[in-house]
Amino acid sequence: MVMLSSTTSLPLFTLMITFSFLSTFSHGAVSVSQPPTSLTEPTSGKLLGNGSGIGNYLVEFPWGISARRSAVEGPIIAAAQPFPSEETSSSLVVLAAERTYRKDPLNGFKRYTGGWNIRERHYWASVAFTAVPLFAIAAIWFVGFGICLLLIILCYFCCKRPPYGYSRVAYAISLIFLILFTIAAILGCLVLYLGQGKFHNSTTKTLGYVVHQADITVRKLRDVSDSLASAKQIGVDKVFLPSNVQTDIDEIGAKINSSASTLADKTVENSDDIRDLLDSVRVALIVLAAIMLLLTFLGFLFSIFGMQLLVYILVILGWLLVTGTFILCGTFLLLHNAAADTCVAMHDWIQHPTAQTALDDILPCVDNSTAQETLLKSKEVTSQLVEVINQVITNVSNINFSPNFPPMYFNQSGPLVPILCNPFNADFSDRICSPGEVNADNATEVWRNYVCQISATGICTTPGRLTPAFYDQMTAVVNVGSALYNYAPFLVQLQDCTFVRETFTGIYVEHCPGLRRYSKWIYIGLVMVSTAVMLSLIFWVIYGRERRHRLYAKELNEGPQADKHS
């Protein structure tokens, strides 16, 4: 049980940033919800320069992105300052600086100033120090009560003497306290059971949210890749994209597919591991609550009915269980504080999404240059597809060729076909459509009016400037171009970290309160159970002693009365 508590705290903590639970995900996700207009907790992040104790490193993103990350390798010692508050650089952000300003036992109990960082041992040491009182209680209880049990056993076997000194007040008080602590232990088991259920549901929902965000990103990345691949193969009247553009499409498509595949594999692998871990923790807490409840109930019954041998067996068993429960309680307090740190760190990161932070280890923001390359390439391909259509319209459909030019002639006649509006200027900035151009949203409907009926040889037999084959090819090109154009906002989100910011905002606002609340329920339930069972053990012994003295006093009183009647 003790080993379980130590092995589950870090993965659960990492899940909370989605978290999973660990690192949970090493790539970004995109959110479909709008961020709220206000947040409840104040920002505590501080901007720090490249001072002593900060190490920067680069991690290669699967599709050629060099994702920026930072690790605080040691606490930042700010000389002559009670708290690190100076802003000397906009590139480094210490997350949850105020909340994590705790004593660090690994650094001479000086205050830890490195902020939230799951890769920093000084951070974990400072968080673990908050649970020292519970670990100390576990140690004192284990040693102290163990010595008391040893003395009781020695006195029982070596210094046997008739019990005397019975007090009705002591008997009544011990019985009352025994009943009260038994009820408290039952209530603690109830709180623990309800808390673990709520905590399991909350962590499962958080994991589901992160997995959903990752799935959305994978789907959109693959859609962009498929649209680019379709654009490479598509054309109108044997007019295709330039060869250099097709080569660029191959390169960028390979990068996008690699990123999507890696993210999908990591999502499945990590989510399965975290779900198994959450199920194991849930079963462990349910079993612990059941054992403690059974122990309390049996100890109470055995004490009331005077089964001293069974009581002492349960006392020894309870002594060990209470020790383990206090240790588990301290571990969940550590987890509770780490979860709260993580939520505040997310809130701080939202204010500085492009800076180097420790949160990049969980959900890194993509590198600006590569995201910009992808965005520009999608705009270039969209613009080139428009040019493909417009070249065919201008040079083939809208010219009345003579029958002497069979490759171009199909009896074009009637009103001229309007050209397609290019949504981008030469520098790929947004462009407003000119009069006489058709928008991609309604181009296929407009062009349908210019389609003619054809003979078996492909010659128009009715007025029109587009054959059905031309119209189908142009429609396919427009659909591909529209798909790329509509994914531009998604690529912009990759560029400016909006998708990460919205994901963290969703976790902070919708999931963090529940995670913090229900991890506290488990912590409180464990405290109630361990404390109530600990005191119940003591009063099992006290009540057993008073009951024994009461029976001995009753026998002494009945003896003279029997002699008197005889």
Protein backbone atom coordinates (compact mmCIF):
# COMPACT_ATOMS: atom_id res chain seq x y z
CA MET A 1 0.00 0.00 0.00
CA VAL A 2 2.82 2.38 0.83
CA MET A 3 4.62 1.50 -2.38
CA LEU A 4 1.44 2.12 -4.34
CA SER A 5 1.14 5.63 -3.00
CA SER A 6 4.66 6.56 -3.99
CA THR A 7 4.40 5.18 -7.49
CA THR A 8 1.08 6.76 -8.41
CA SER A 9 1.59 10.36 -7.39
CA LEU A 10 3.76 11.51 -10.30
CA PRO A 11 1.76 9.98 -13.18
CA LEU A 12 -1.50 11.24 -11.68
CA PHE A 13 0.03 14.66 -11.31
CA THR A 14 1.19 14.61 -14.91
CA LEU A 15 -2.27 13.67 -16.07
CA MET A 16 -3.62 16.85 -14.60
CA ILE A 17 -1.77 18.69 -17.23
CA THR A 18 -2.97 16.71 -19.09
CA PHE A 19 -1.26 16.48 -17.15
CA SER A 20 -1.43 12.77 -18.40
CA PHE A 21 -1.69 12.46 -16.02
CA LEU A 22 2.08 12.58 -17.76
CA SER A 23 4.91 13.76 -19.80
CA THR A 24 1.28 12.94 -20.85
CA PHE A 25 1.50 14.39 -24.30
CA SER A 26 4.51 15.76 -26.07
CA HIS A 27 2.57 17.62 -28.78
CA GLY A 28 -0.05 20.31 -29.06
CA ALA A 29 -3.81 20.04 -29.29
CA VAL A 30 -6.41 22.44 -30.56
CA SER A 31 -9.49 23.50 -28.67
CA VAL A 32 -12.93 23.99 -30.13
CA SER A 33 -14.28 26.11 -27.32
CA GLN A 34 -13.83 29.81 -26.77
CA PRO A 35 -11.76 30.86 -23.78
CA PRO A 36 -13.67 32.56 -20.98
CA THR A 37 -13.49 36.29 -20.57
CA SER A 38 -12.17 36.18 -17.05
CA LEU A 39 -10.31 33.86 -14.73
CA THR A 40 -10.68 33.68 -11.00
CA GLU A 41 -7.12 33.22 -9.80
CA PRO A 42 -4.51 35.94 -10.13
CA THR A 43 -1.38 35.46 -12.13
CA SER A 44 1.68 34.59 -10.16
CA GLY A 45 4.19 33.94 -12.92
CA LYS A 46 7.37 36.01 -12.97
CA LEU A 47 9.66 36.76 -15.86
CA LEU A 48 13.29 36.04 -15.17
CA GLY A 49 16.45 36.41 -17.18
CA ASN A 50 19.03 33.76 -18.03
CA GLY A 51 20.38 33.72 -14.53
CA SER A 52 22.23 31.07 -12.66
CA GLY A 53 20.41 27.80 -12.38
CA ILE A 54 18.39 27.97 -15.62
CA GLY A 55 19.16 25.54 -18.43
CA ASN A 56 17.65 25.80 -21.90
CA TYR A 57 17.43 22.96 -24.37
CA LEU A 58 15.76 22.14 -27.67
CA VAL A 59 13.53 19.17 -28.44
CA GLU A 60 12.99 18.06 -32.03
CA PHE A 61 9.34 18.09 -33.06
CA PRO A 62 8.39 15.20 -35.41
CA TRP A 63 7.57 17.43 -38.37
CA GLY A 64 10.72 19.47 -38.29
CA ILE A 65 9.69 21.80 -35.50
CA SER A 66 12.25 22.71 -32.94
CA ALA A 67 9.96 23.08 -29.95
CA ARG A 68 11.24 25.47 -27.34
CA ARG A 69 11.49 24.16 -23.82
CA SER A 70 13.18 25.19 -20.62
CA ALA A 71 14.20 23.42 -17.48
CA VAL A 72 15.07 25.01 -14.18
CA GLU A 73 18.04 22.92 -13.12
CA GLY A 74 18.33 24.52 -9.72
CA PRO A 75 16.65 27.08 -7.52
CA ILE A 76 17.12 30.70 -8.58
CA ILE A 77 18.68 32.50 -5.66
CA ALA A 78 17.72 36.16 -5.68
CA ALA A 79 20.18 37.91 -3.43
CA ALA A 80 18.80 40.40 -0.93
CA GLN A 81 15.23 39.77 -2.16
CA PRO A 82 12.52 38.01 -0.16
CA PHE A 83 10.80 36.94 -3.38
CA PRO A 84 11.86 36.80 -7.04
CA SER A 85 9.92 39.57 -8.71
CA GLU A 86 12.19 41.34 -11.21
CA GLU A 87 11.38 41.03 -14.90
CA THR A 88 14.62 40.94 -16.82
CA SER A 89 13.69 38.88 -19.86
CA SER A 90 10.59 38.11 -21.86
CA SER A 91 11.85 34.70 -22.99
CA LEU A 92 11.77 32.85 -19.64
CA VAL A 93 8.78 32.57 -17.35
CA VAL A 94 8.84 30.99 -13.88
CA LEU A 95 5.40 29.47 -13.41
CA ALA A 96 3.41 29.57 -10.15
CA ALA A 97 6.31 31.43 -8.54
CA GLU A 98 4.38 32.64 -5.49
CA ARG A 99 2.63 29.35 -4.79
CA THR A 100 5.81 27.27 -5.07
CA TYR A 101 7.79 29.62 -2.79
CA ARG A 102 8.37 26.91 -0.16
CA LYS A 103 11.21 25.58 1.92
CA ASP A 104 13.54 23.23 0.04
CA PRO A 105 15.08 20.53 2.29
CA LEU A 106 17.65 19.72 -0.42
CA ASN A 107 18.99 23.28 -0.32
CA GLY A 108 19.41 23.86 3.39
CA PHE A 109 15.70 24.66 3.88
CA LYS A 110 16.08 27.84 1.85
CA ARG A 111 13.08 29.01 -0.13
CA TYR A 112 12.65 27.33 -3.52
CA THR A 113 12.39 29.96 -6.25
CA GLY A 114 12.47 27.88 -9.42
CA GLY A 115 8.70 27.74 -9.90
CA TRP A 116 6.66 24.83 -11.18
CA ASN A 117 8.87 22.27 -12.93
CA ILE A 118 8.21 18.53 -12.82
CA ARG A 119 11.77 17.81 -14.02
CA GLU A 120 13.33 19.67 -11.09
CA ARG A 121 14.09 17.58 -7.99
CA HIS A 122 14.17 20.70 -5.83
CA TYR A 123 10.56 21.39 -6.82
CA TRP A 124 9.48 17.91 -5.74
CA ALA A 125 11.47 18.23 -2.54
CA SER A 126 9.71 21.49 -1.68
CA VAL A 127 6.29 19.96 -2.43
CA ALA A 128 7.09 16.84 -0.41
CA PHE A 129 8.12 19.03 2.52
CA THR A 130 4.50 20.18 2.86
CA ALA A 131 3.58 16.59 3.78
CA VAL A 132 6.33 16.19 6.38
CA PRO A 133 3.92 16.58 9.36
CA LEU A 134 1.92 13.56 8.22
CA PHE A 135 5.03 11.51 7.54
CA ALA A 136 6.31 12.51 10.99
CA ILE A 137 3.02 11.43 12.60
CA ALA A 138 3.33 8.08 10.81
CA ALA A 139 6.87 7.61 12.14
CA ILE A 140 5.99 8.70 15.69
CA TRP A 141 2.92 6.48 15.73
CA PHE A 142 4.83 3.48 14.39
CA VAL A 143 7.65 3.81 16.92
CA GLY A 144 5.64 5.10 19.88
CA PHE A 145 2.74 2.70 19.71
CA GLY A 146 5.11 -0.15 18.89
CA ILE A 147 7.01 0.54 22.12
CA CYS A 148 3.73 0.71 24.05
CA LEU A 149 2.65 -2.64 22.63
CA LEU A 150 5.98 -4.14 23.57
CA LEU A 151 5.68 -2.86 27.15
CA ILE A 152 2.12 -4.15 27.43
CA ILE A 153 3.19 -7.60 26.24
CA LEU A 154 6.16 -7.66 28.65
CA CYS A 155 3.98 -6.59 31.57
CA TYR A 156 1.33 -9.16 30.69
CA PHE A 157 3.72 -12.09 30.62
CA CYS A 158 6.33 -10.99 33.19
CA CYS A 159 4.43 -8.96 35.76
CA LYS A 160 1.11 -10.68 36.17
CA ARG A 161 -1.00 -9.32 38.99
CA PRO A 162 -4.69 -9.19 39.79
CA PRO A 163 -6.45 -6.23 38.17
CA TYR A 164 -7.89 -3.69 40.51
CA GLY A 165 -8.66 0.01 40.65
CA TYR A 166 -11.95 -0.20 38.70
CA SER A 167 -13.60 3.16 38.05
CA ARG A 168 -17.11 3.48 36.68
CA VAL A 169 -16.27 6.92 35.27
CA ALA A 170 -13.20 5.62 33.42
CA TYR A 171 -15.23 2.67 32.11
CA ALA A 172 -18.04 4.92 30.85
CA ILE A 173 -15.70 7.49 29.30
CA SER A 174 -13.66 4.82 27.49
CA LEU A 175 -16.86 3.27 26.13
CA ILE A 176 -18.17 6.66 24.95
CA PHE A 177 -14.91 7.57 23.22
CA LEU A 178 -14.74 4.10 21.66
CA ILE A 179 -18.19 4.60 20.14
CA LEU A 180 -17.38 8.15 18.96
CA PHE A 181 -14.13 7.18 17.27
CA THR A 182 -15.78 4.16 15.67
CA ILE A 183 -18.43 6.46 14.18
CA ALA A 184 -15.69 8.89 13.07
CA ALA A 185 -13.82 6.05 11.35
CA ILE A 186 -17.00 5.00 9.53
CA LEU A 187 -17.58 8.59 8.40
CA GLY A 188 -13.95 8.84 7.27
CA CYS A 189 -14.35 5.66 5.20
CA LEU A 190 -17.48 7.13 3.65
CA VAL A 191 -15.70 10.39 2.76
CA LEU A 192 -12.77 8.42 1.35
CA TYR A 193 -15.05 6.24 -0.77
CA LEU A 194 -17.05 9.17 -2.14
CA GLY A 195 -13.87 11.20 -2.69
CA GLN A 196 -12.15 8.49 -4.70
CA GLY A 197 -15.24 8.11 -6.88
CA LYS A 198 -15.42 11.84 -7.57
CA PHE A 199 -11.65 12.03 -8.08
CA HIS A 200 -11.71 9.12 -10.53
CA ASN A 201 -14.54 10.68 -12.54
CA SER A 202 -12.81 14.08 -12.57
CA THR A 203 -9.44 12.71 -13.69
CA THR A 204 -11.13 10.54 -16.32
CA LYS A 205 -12.96 13.57 -17.72
CA THR A 206 -9.71 15.56 -17.75
CA LEU A 207 -7.95 12.76 -19.59
CA GLY A 208 -10.85 12.51 -22.03
CA TYR A 209 -10.66 16.25 -22.67
CA VAL A 210 -6.93 16.11 -23.46
CA VAL A 211 -7.38 13.02 -25.66
CA HIS A 212 -10.22 14.79 -27.49
CA GLN A 213 -8.03 17.83 -28.11
CA ALA A 214 -5.24 15.62 -29.41
CA ASP A 215 -7.65 13.73 -31.69
CA ILE A 216 -8.93 17.02 -33.14
CA THR A 217 -5.36 18.09 -33.88
CA VAL A 218 -4.52 14.75 -35.51
CA ARG A 219 -7.66 14.86 -37.66
CA LYS A 220 -7.03 18.43 -38.81
CA LEU A 221 -3.36 17.79 -39.54
CA ARG A 222 -4.26 14.78 -41.64
CA ASP A 223 -6.99 16.74 -43.41
CA VAL A 224 -4.44 19.43 -44.31
CA SER A 225 -2.04 16.76 -45.53
CA ASP A 226 -4.76 15.05 -47.60
CA SER A 227 -5.83 18.37 -49.11
CA LEU A 228 -2.23 19.17 -50.10
CA ALA A 229 -1.81 15.69 -51.60
CA SER A 230 -5.05 16.09 -53.56
CA ALA A 231 -3.90 19.48 -54.83
CA LYS A 232 -0.73 17.89 -56.16
CA GLN A 233 -2.65 15.39 -58.29
CA ILE A 234 -5.54 17.56 -59.42
CA GLY A 235 -5.71 19.69 -62.57
CA VAL A 236 -7.98 21.10 -65.28
CA ASP A 237 -7.49 20.17 -68.97
CA LYS A 238 -4.05 18.72 -68.18
CA VAL A 239 -2.96 21.93 -66.42
CA PHE A 240 -1.39 21.07 -63.03
CA LEU A 241 0.53 22.80 -60.26
CA PRO A 242 4.16 23.75 -61.01
CA SER A 243 6.70 21.00 -60.32
CA ASN A 244 8.50 22.98 -57.59
CA VAL A 245 5.21 23.43 -55.73
CA GLN A 246 4.52 19.69 -56.00
CA THR A 247 7.95 18.96 -54.51
CA ASP A 248 7.29 21.32 -51.59
CA ILE A 249 3.94 19.60 -51.04
CA ASP A 250 5.70 16.23 -50.74
CA GLU A 251 8.14 17.56 -48.14
CA ILE A 252 5.59 19.34 -46.00
CA GLY A 253 3.11 16.48 -46.28
CA ALA A 254 5.70 14.05 -44.91
CA LYS A 255 6.36 16.33 -41.94
CA ILE A 256 2.66 16.76 -41.18
CA ASN A 257 1.95 13.01 -41.44
CA SER A 258 4.88 12.25 -39.16
CA SER A 259 3.61 14.71 -36.58
CA ALA A 260 0.04 13.40 -36.76
CA SER A 261 1.15 9.77 -36.48
CA THR A 262 3.42 10.47 -33.53
CA LEU A 263 0.74 12.42 -31.71
CA ALA A 264 -1.88 9.72 -32.36
CA ASP A 265 0.44 6.95 -31.12
CA LYS A 266 1.42 8.91 -28.02
CA THR A 267 -2.21 9.69 -27.30
CA VAL A 268 -3.27 6.05 -27.41
CA GLU A 269 -0.24 4.81 -25.47
CA ASN A 270 -0.37 7.39 -22.69
CA SER A 271 -4.16 7.43 -22.33
CA ASP A 272 -4.25 3.64 -21.94
CA ASP A 273 -1.47 3.73 -19.34
CA ILE A 274 -3.17 6.51 -17.40
CA ARG A 275 -6.57 4.81 -17.46
CA ASP A 276 -4.98 1.62 -16.10
CA LEU A 277 -3.26 3.67 -13.41
CA LEU A 278 -6.46 5.49 -12.44
CA ASP A 279 -8.33 2.19 -12.21
CA SER A 280 -5.57 0.75 -10.01
CA VAL A 281 -5.65 3.76 -7.69
CA ARG A 282 -9.43 3.56 -7.47
CA VAL A 283 -9.35 -0.14 -6.57
CA ALA A 284 -6.59 0.46 -4.00
CA LEU A 285 -8.55 3.23 -2.27
CA ILE A 286 -11.78 1.20 -2.27
CA VAL A 287 -9.95 -1.79 -0.77
CA LEU A 288 -8.31 0.45 1.83
CA ALA A 289 -11.65 1.98 2.82
CA ALA A 290 -13.23 -1.47 3.06
CA ILE A 291 -10.37 -2.89 5.16
CA MET A 292 -10.41 0.06 7.55
CA LEU A 293 -14.18 -0.13 7.88
CA LEU A 294 -14.05 -3.86 8.58
CA LEU A 295 -11.18 -3.40 11.03
CA THR A 296 -13.08 -0.70 12.93
CA PHE A 297 -16.30 -2.71 13.07
CA LEU A 298 -14.64 -5.95 14.20
CA GLY A 299 -12.47 -4.14 16.73
CA PHE A 300 -15.53 -2.51 18.25
CA LEU A 301 -17.45 -5.82 18.46
CA PHE A 302 -14.52 -7.76 19.90
CA SER A 303 -13.92 -5.03 22.49
CA ILE A 304 -17.59 -4.95 23.56
CA PHE A 305 -17.75 -8.74 23.92
CA GLY A 306 -14.38 -8.99 25.64
CA MET A 307 -12.54 -11.12 23.05
CA GLN A 308 -9.15 -9.85 24.14
CA LEU A 309 -6.99 -12.16 22.04
CA LEU A 310 -8.76 -11.11 18.85
CA VAL A 311 -8.65 -7.48 19.96
CA TYR A 312 -4.86 -7.59 20.35
CA ILE A 313 -4.49 -9.26 16.95
CA LEU A 314 -6.53 -6.45 15.41
CA VAL A 315 -4.51 -3.88 17.37
CA ILE A 316 -1.27 -5.14 15.84
CA LEU A 317 -2.82 -5.24 12.38
CA GLY A 318 -4.33 -1.79 12.85
CA TRP A 319 -1.01 -0.42 14.08
CA LEU A 320 0.58 -1.29 10.73
CA LEU A 321 -2.42 -0.17 8.66
CA VAL A 322 -2.63 3.20 10.40
CA THR A 323 1.06 3.79 9.73
CA GLY A 324 0.60 3.03 6.04
CA THR A 325 -2.55 5.15 5.88
CA PHE A 326 -0.76 8.18 7.32
CA ILE A 327 1.99 7.74 4.72
CA LEU A 328 -0.63 7.45 1.98
CA CYS A 329 -2.35 10.53 3.40
CA GLY A 330 0.89 12.50 3.15
CA THR A 331 1.37 11.31 -0.42
CA PHE A 332 -2.08 12.51 -1.43
CA LEU A 333 -1.44 15.84 0.27
CA LEU A 334 1.69 16.09 -1.89
CA LEU A 335 -0.42 15.21 -4.95
CA HIS A 336 -3.06 17.75 -3.99
CA ASN A 337 -0.48 20.54 -3.69
CA ALA A 338 1.22 19.51 -6.94
CA ALA A 339 -2.14 19.56 -8.74
CA ALA A 340 -2.89 23.03 -7.40
CA ASP A 341 0.59 24.18 -8.50
CA THR A 342 -0.07 22.81 -11.97
CA CYS A 343 -3.37 24.62 -12.32
CA VAL A 344 -1.76 27.92 -11.32
CA ALA A 345 1.14 27.20 -13.69
CA MET A 346 -1.32 26.72 -16.54
CA HIS A 347 -2.97 30.02 -15.71
CA ASP A 348 0.41 31.76 -15.68
CA TRP A 349 1.40 30.19 -19.00
CA ILE A 350 -1.81 31.45 -20.60
CA GLN A 351 -0.51 34.98 -19.98
CA HIS A 352 2.85 34.18 -21.69
CA PRO A 353 2.10 31.41 -24.24
CA THR A 354 5.19 31.89 -26.41
CA ALA A 355 7.77 32.08 -23.62
CA GLN A 356 10.02 29.21 -22.56
CA THR A 357 8.48 27.42 -19.59
CA ALA A 358 8.48 24.03 -17.89
CA LEU A 359 4.97 23.40 -19.25
CA ASP A 360 6.51 22.91 -22.69
CA ASP A 361 7.40 19.40 -21.47
CA ILE A 362 3.70 18.52 -21.45
CA LEU A 363 2.07 20.39 -24.31
CA PRO A 364 4.73 22.31 -26.24
CA CYS A 365 3.84 25.20 -28.49
CA VAL A 366 5.02 24.74 -32.04
CA ASP A 367 7.92 26.72 -33.41
CA ASN A 368 6.80 29.89 -35.15
CA SER A 369 8.98 29.53 -38.25
CA THR A 370 7.81 26.04 -39.21
CA ALA A 371 4.16 26.82 -38.53
CA GLN A 372 4.58 29.93 -40.69
CA GLU A 373 6.11 27.78 -43.43
CA THR A 374 3.10 25.44 -43.38
CA LEU A 375 0.66 28.34 -43.40
CA LEU A 376 2.42 30.08 -46.29
CA LYS A 377 2.62 26.85 -48.27
CA SER A 378 -1.11 26.27 -47.87
CA LYS A 379 -1.78 29.84 -49.07
CA GLU A 380 0.61 29.37 -51.99
CA VAL A 381 -1.06 26.12 -53.06
CA THR A 382 -4.52 27.71 -52.75
CA SER A 383 -3.41 30.64 -54.89
CA GLN A 384 -1.82 28.31 -57.47
CA LEU A 385 -5.01 26.27 -57.70
CA VAL A 386 -6.96 29.45 -58.43
CA GLU A 387 -4.44 30.29 -61.16
CA VAL A 388 -4.87 26.80 -62.68
CA ILE A 389 -8.63 27.34 -63.00
CA ASN A 390 -8.32 30.91 -64.22
CA GLN A 391 -5.77 29.95 -66.90
CA VAL A 392 -8.16 27.39 -68.32
CA ILE A 393 -11.08 29.83 -68.18
CA THR A 394 -9.11 32.70 -69.75
CA ASN A 395 -7.08 30.76 -72.35
CA VAL A 396 -9.54 28.02 -73.29
CA SER A 397 -13.16 28.49 -72.27
CA ASN A 398 -13.50 32.21 -72.95
CA ILE A 399 -11.89 32.13 -76.41
CA ASN A 400 -13.88 31.22 -79.50
CA PHE A 401 -11.40 28.89 -81.17
CA SER A 402 -11.69 27.84 -84.80
CA PRO A 403 -12.45 24.20 -85.56
CA ASN A 404 -8.94 24.16 -87.04
CA PHE A 405 -7.57 23.99 -83.44
CA PRO A 406 -9.05 20.67 -82.25
CA PRO A 407 -7.16 20.55 -78.90
CA MET A 408 -8.77 23.85 -77.85
CA TYR A 409 -12.00 23.81 -79.83
CA PHE A 410 -15.23 22.35 -78.47
CA ASN A 411 -17.64 24.90 -79.96
CA GLN A 412 -17.40 27.51 -77.17
CA SER A 413 -20.26 30.02 -77.30
CA GLY A 414 -22.43 32.20 -75.11
CA PRO A 415 -21.54 34.58 -72.24
CA LEU A 416 -17.98 34.54 -70.88
CA VAL A 417 -17.25 32.42 -67.81
CA PRO A 418 -16.37 34.56 -64.76
CA ILE A 419 -12.95 33.82 -63.28
CA LEU A 420 -12.40 32.57 -59.73
CA CYS A 421 -11.49 35.09 -57.02
CA ASN A 422 -8.02 34.64 -55.58
CA PRO A 423 -8.31 35.20 -51.79
CA PHE A 424 -4.62 36.23 -51.53
CA ASN A 425 -2.42 38.95 -52.97
CA ALA A 426 1.05 38.26 -54.31
CA ASP A 427 2.46 38.60 -50.79
CA PHE A 428 -0.24 36.18 -49.48
CA SER A 429 -2.08 38.89 -47.60
CA ASP A 430 -5.89 38.77 -47.70
CA ARG A 431 -7.40 40.13 -50.92
CA ILE A 432 -10.89 41.51 -51.63
CA CYS A 433 -12.59 40.04 -54.70
CA SER A 434 -12.92 42.32 -57.74
CA PRO A 435 -16.20 42.86 -59.63
CA GLY A 436 -16.88 40.06 -62.09
CA GLU A 437 -15.03 37.42 -60.01
CA VAL A 438 -16.84 34.58 -58.30
CA ASN A 439 -16.14 33.47 -54.77
CA ALA A 440 -15.15 29.89 -54.04
CA ASP A 441 -18.28 29.49 -51.91
CA ASN A 442 -20.65 29.84 -54.87
CA ALA A 443 -18.36 29.33 -57.87
CA THR A 444 -19.64 25.85 -58.72
CA GLU A 445 -23.24 27.05 -58.70
CA VAL A 446 -22.42 30.00 -60.99
CA TRP A 447 -20.35 27.89 -63.40
CA ARG A 448 -23.12 25.33 -63.71
CA ASN A 449 -24.96 27.86 -65.90
CA TYR A 450 -22.10 27.79 -68.42
CA VAL A 451 -22.01 24.01 -68.92
CA CYS A 452 -23.07 22.77 -72.34
CA GLN A 453 -24.32 19.44 -73.55
CA ILE A 454 -21.79 17.53 -75.62
CA SER A 455 -21.80 15.05 -78.45
CA ALA A 456 -20.03 11.73 -78.55
CA THR A 457 -16.91 13.50 -79.83
CA GLY A 458 -16.88 16.02 -76.94
CA ILE A 459 -18.19 19.01 -78.93
CA CYS A 460 -20.81 21.31 -77.38
CA THR A 461 -24.19 20.89 -78.98
CA THR A 462 -25.83 23.65 -76.90
CA PRO A 463 -24.57 27.14 -75.96
CA GLY A 464 -21.94 27.04 -73.24
CA ARG A 465 -18.23 27.35 -72.56
CA LEU A 466 -17.61 24.48 -70.14
CA THR A 467 -17.89 20.81 -70.93
CA PRO A 468 -19.14 18.52 -68.14
CA ALA A 469 -15.59 17.16 -67.81
CA PHE A 470 -14.16 20.67 -67.39
CA TYR A 471 -16.84 21.55 -64.88
CA ASP A 472 -16.14 18.42 -62.78
CA GLN A 473 -12.40 19.11 -62.77
CA MET A 474 -12.91 22.76 -61.83
CA THR A 475 -15.30 21.76 -59.04
CA ALA A 476 -12.72 19.33 -57.62
CA VAL A 477 -10.03 22.02 -57.70
CA VAL A 478 -12.31 24.53 -55.96
CA ASN A 479 -13.16 22.00 -53.23
CA VAL A 480 -9.49 21.30 -52.54
CA GLY A 481 -8.61 25.00 -52.53
CA SER A 482 -11.53 25.81 -50.21
CA ALA A 483 -10.42 23.07 -47.79
CA LEU A 484 -6.91 24.51 -47.60
CA TYR A 485 -8.27 28.04 -47.22
CA ASN A 486 -10.63 26.98 -44.42
CA TYR A 487 -7.77 25.33 -42.50
CA ALA A 488 -5.79 28.57 -42.46
CA PRO A 489 -7.19 29.57 -39.02
CA PHE A 490 -6.09 26.22 -37.63
CA LEU A 491 -2.57 26.74 -38.98
CA VAL A 492 -2.57 30.25 -37.50
CA GLN A 493 -3.44 28.68 -34.13
CA LEU A 494 -0.43 26.40 -34.53
CA GLN A 495 1.68 29.47 -35.22
CA ASP A 496 0.61 31.71 -32.33
CA CYS A 497 -0.04 28.97 -29.70
CA THR A 498 -3.77 29.75 -29.53
CA PHE A 499 -4.63 26.05 -29.53
CA VAL A 500 -2.40 25.40 -26.49
CA ARG A 501 -3.70 28.46 -24.68
CA GLU A 502 -7.31 27.41 -25.23
CA THR A 503 -6.56 23.85 -24.12
CA PHE A 504 -4.95 25.06 -20.90
CA THR A 505 -7.77 27.52 -20.34
CA GLY A 506 -10.29 24.70 -20.67
CA ILE A 507 -8.39 22.54 -18.19
CA TYR A 508 -7.87 25.43 -15.76
CA VAL A 509 -11.48 26.62 -15.79
CA GLU A 510 -13.44 23.39 -16.25
CA HIS A 511 -11.29 20.62 -14.77
CA CYS A 512 -8.83 22.05 -12.24
CA PRO A 513 -11.48 22.97 -9.63
CA GLY A 514 -12.80 19.41 -9.58
CA LEU A 515 -9.34 17.84 -9.47
CA ARG A 516 -8.28 20.04 -6.56
CA ARG A 517 -11.58 19.62 -4.70
CA TYR A 518 -11.76 15.83 -4.92
CA SER A 519 -8.08 15.19 -4.28
CA LYS A 520 -8.71 17.19 -1.09
CA TRP A 521 -11.65 14.93 -0.30
CA ILE A 522 -9.36 11.90 -0.50
CA TYR A 523 -6.78 13.62 1.67
CA ILE A 524 -9.41 14.58 4.27
CA GLY A 525 -10.93 11.08 4.17
CA LEU A 526 -7.52 9.50 4.75
CA VAL A 527 -6.84 11.88 7.65
CA MET A 528 -10.21 11.05 9.24
CA VAL A 529 -9.78 7.30 8.78
CA SER A 530 -6.19 7.13 10.02
CA THR A 531 -6.81 9.41 13.01
CA ALA A 532 -10.08 7.73 14.03
CA VAL A 533 -8.67 4.22 13.70
CA MET A 534 -5.51 5.27 15.55
CA LEU A 535 -7.55 6.56 18.50
CA SER A 536 -9.89 3.56 18.28
CA LEU A 537 -6.88 1.25 18.70
CA ILE A 538 -5.90 3.10 21.85
CA PHE A 539 -9.40 2.91 23.29
CA TRP A 540 -9.71 -0.76 22.36
CA VAL A 541 -6.85 -1.37 24.77
CA ILE A 542 -8.16 1.09 27.40
CA TYR A 543 -11.72 -0.23 27.24
CA GLY A 544 -10.49 -3.82 27.38
CA ARG A 545 -8.50 -3.00 30.50
CA GLU A 546 -11.45 -1.23 32.18
CA ARG A 547 -13.78 -4.08 31.24
CA ARG A 548 -11.39 -6.59 32.75
CA HIS A 549 -11.13 -4.53 35.94
CA ARG A 550 -14.92 -4.22 36.06
CA LEU A 551 -15.40 -7.98 35.83
CA TYR A 552 -12.75 -8.59 38.49
CA ALA A 553 -14.35 -6.06 40.83
CA LYS A 554 -17.74 -7.68 40.23
CA GLU A 555 -16.32 -11.10 41.13
CA LEU A 556 -14.79 -9.69 44.32
CA ASN A 557 -18.13 -8.17 45.33
CA GLU A 558 -20.06 -11.35 44.60
CA GLY A 559 -17.64 -13.54 46.60
CA PRO A 560 -18.34 -12.08 50.11
CA GLN A 561 -22.07 -11.94 49.38
CA ALA A 562 -22.12 -15.66 48.52
CA ASP A 563 -20.25 -16.51 51.74
CA LYS A 564 -22.69 -14.39 53.74
CA HIS A 565 -25.75 -16.18 52.31
CA SER A 566 -24.18 -19.59 52.90
